[in-house]
Amino acid sequence: MEKMKTEWVTGEIPINDEVVQWAERTGRELAEAKLTSSNIRRFFGEMRRIQSDFERHKEDVPLLKAKLAYDVGRKSNERGIRAFYNILSPAIGAVEGQESNFTRFVKIAEAIVAFHKLYTDSRNDN
């Protein structure tokens, strides 16, 4: 699975159709890898907490990587969470304490989550 490009987070490459297509592929691949909704919810909840008051919580951004690493360690036999960690880790570092970077990161992560939901529900319908 292809990692999130740090240039999307920093704004060097604008969020465009390429990002949406990548997010769709990634969401589908994570659904196929059986990434669970509970794994996503924990991570997404932490992202939202940081986003709610970025100035106050910006030092927690690098810790998102540690939270994902903990889930990987707890569920070492689940390839979905490891893939999620590998996809997002480089991009977390690209936030570099900048609210605009974090906002872009959140938007892209939301797109992955949306497509993951689509493909998880589609898989369950069959």
Protein backbone atom coordinates (compact mmCIF):
# COMPACT_ATOMS: atom_id res chain seq x y z
CA MET A 1 0.00 0.00 0.00
CA GLU A 2 1.20 3.44 -0.93
CA LYS A 3 1.99 5.86 1.90
CA MET A 4 0.32 9.24 2.20
CA LYS A 5 2.52 11.81 0.45
CA THR A 6 3.97 14.33 2.85
CA GLU A 7 3.66 16.96 0.10
CA TRP A 8 -0.12 16.67 0.35
CA VAL A 9 0.09 17.46 4.06
CA THR A 10 2.47 20.39 3.64
CA GLY A 11 0.49 21.83 0.72
CA GLU A 12 3.37 21.50 -1.76
CA ILE A 13 0.95 19.39 -3.81
CA PRO A 14 -2.66 20.58 -3.50
CA ILE A 15 -5.45 18.24 -2.50
CA ASN A 16 -6.93 17.25 -5.85
CA ASP A 17 -8.39 14.26 -7.73
CA GLU A 18 -5.10 12.35 -7.33
CA VAL A 19 -5.56 12.49 -3.56
CA VAL A 20 -9.17 11.32 -3.81
CA GLN A 21 -8.21 8.42 -6.09
CA TRP A 22 -5.38 7.46 -3.72
CA ALA A 23 -7.75 7.66 -0.72
CA GLU A 24 -10.24 5.41 -2.49
CA ARG A 25 -7.58 2.79 -3.33
CA THR A 26 -6.23 3.01 0.21
CA GLY A 27 -9.67 2.73 1.82
CA ARG A 28 -10.47 -0.31 -0.33
CA GLU A 29 -7.12 -1.96 0.44
CA LEU A 30 -7.53 -1.34 4.17
CA ALA A 31 -11.03 -2.85 4.06
CA GLU A 32 -9.60 -5.88 2.26
CA ALA A 33 -6.85 -6.07 4.90
CA LYS A 34 -9.66 -6.15 7.49
CA LEU A 35 -8.78 -2.94 9.30
CA THR A 36 -11.52 -2.67 11.89
CA SER A 37 -13.78 0.30 12.44
CA SER A 38 -12.80 0.31 16.12
CA ASN A 39 -9.13 0.86 15.18
CA ILE A 40 -10.13 3.76 12.98
CA ARG A 41 -12.50 5.23 15.58
CA ARG A 42 -9.79 5.41 18.26
CA PHE A 43 -7.38 7.15 15.91
CA PHE A 44 -10.05 9.42 14.45
CA GLY A 45 -11.26 10.40 17.91
CA GLU A 46 -7.76 11.43 18.90
CA MET A 47 -7.39 13.45 15.68
CA ARG A 48 -10.66 15.24 16.39
CA ARG A 49 -9.60 16.02 19.97
CA ILE A 50 -6.41 17.64 18.68
CA GLN A 51 -8.31 19.49 15.96
CA SER A 52 -10.81 20.90 18.49
CA ASP A 53 -8.08 23.10 20.02
CA PHE A 54 -4.98 22.75 17.90
CA GLU A 55 -2.88 25.33 19.74
CA ARG A 56 -3.48 23.60 23.04
CA HIS A 57 -2.99 20.04 21.71
CA LYS A 58 -0.45 20.44 18.89
CA GLU A 59 2.26 18.69 20.90
CA ASP A 60 0.04 15.59 20.81
CA VAL A 61 0.31 15.29 17.02
CA PRO A 62 3.59 13.32 17.03
CA LEU A 63 2.05 11.03 19.65
CA LEU A 64 -0.53 9.90 17.08
CA LYS A 65 2.25 7.75 15.65
CA ALA A 66 2.81 6.17 19.08
CA LYS A 67 -0.91 5.49 19.51
CA LEU A 68 -1.00 3.69 16.18
CA ALA A 69 2.19 1.78 17.08
CA TYR A 70 0.52 0.63 20.30
CA ASP A 71 -2.42 -0.75 18.31
CA VAL A 72 0.00 -2.52 15.96
CA GLY A 73 1.73 -4.11 18.96
CA ARG A 74 -1.55 -5.15 20.56
CA LYS A 75 -2.89 -6.65 17.36
CA SER A 76 0.33 -7.83 15.74
CA ASN A 77 -1.48 -10.57 13.81
CA GLU A 78 -3.82 -8.09 12.09
CA ARG A 79 -2.34 -6.75 8.89
CA GLY A 80 -4.91 -3.95 8.54
CA ILE A 81 -3.69 -1.92 11.52
CA ARG A 82 -0.05 -2.36 10.48
CA ALA A 83 -0.92 -1.11 6.99
CA PHE A 84 -2.80 1.87 8.48
CA TYR A 85 0.28 2.71 10.59
CA ASN A 86 2.62 2.44 7.59
CA ILE A 87 0.38 4.61 5.42
CA LEU A 88 -0.09 7.44 7.93
CA SER A 89 3.20 7.56 9.87
CA PRO A 90 5.25 9.65 7.42
CA ALA A 91 2.41 12.14 7.04
CA ILE A 92 2.05 12.61 10.80
CA GLY A 93 5.64 13.83 10.88
CA ALA A 94 4.93 16.28 8.06
CA VAL A 95 2.44 18.22 10.21
CA GLU A 96 5.41 19.88 11.96
CA GLY A 97 3.25 21.80 14.43
CA GLN A 98 1.42 23.69 11.67
CA GLU A 99 -2.37 23.88 11.95
CA SER A 100 -2.81 24.19 8.19
CA ASN A 101 -0.79 20.99 7.68
CA PHE A 102 -2.84 19.21 10.32
CA THR A 103 -6.07 20.35 8.66
CA ARG A 104 -4.92 18.88 5.34
CA PHE A 105 -3.85 15.67 7.09
CA VAL A 106 -7.29 15.36 8.72
CA LYS A 107 -9.10 15.94 5.41
CA ILE A 108 -7.10 13.20 3.70
CA ALA A 109 -7.54 10.82 6.65
CA GLU A 110 -11.30 11.51 6.53
CA ALA A 111 -11.33 10.53 2.86
CA ILE A 112 -9.57 7.24 3.64
CA VAL A 113 -12.09 6.55 6.42
CA ALA A 114 -15.03 7.32 4.11
CA PHE A 115 -13.82 4.92 1.43
CA HIS A 116 -12.91 2.29 4.03
CA LYS A 117 -16.52 2.49 5.27
CA LEU A 118 -17.84 2.19 1.71
CA TYR A 119 -15.76 -0.90 0.95
CA THR A 120 -16.29 -2.50 4.36
CA ASP A 121 -20.06 -2.15 3.98
CA SER A 122 -19.86 -3.39 0.37
CA ARG A 123 -17.90 -6.45 1.51
CA ASN A 124 -20.48 -7.17 4.21
CA ASP A 125 -23.35 -6.89 1.70
CA ASN A 126 -21.98 -9.76 -0.39
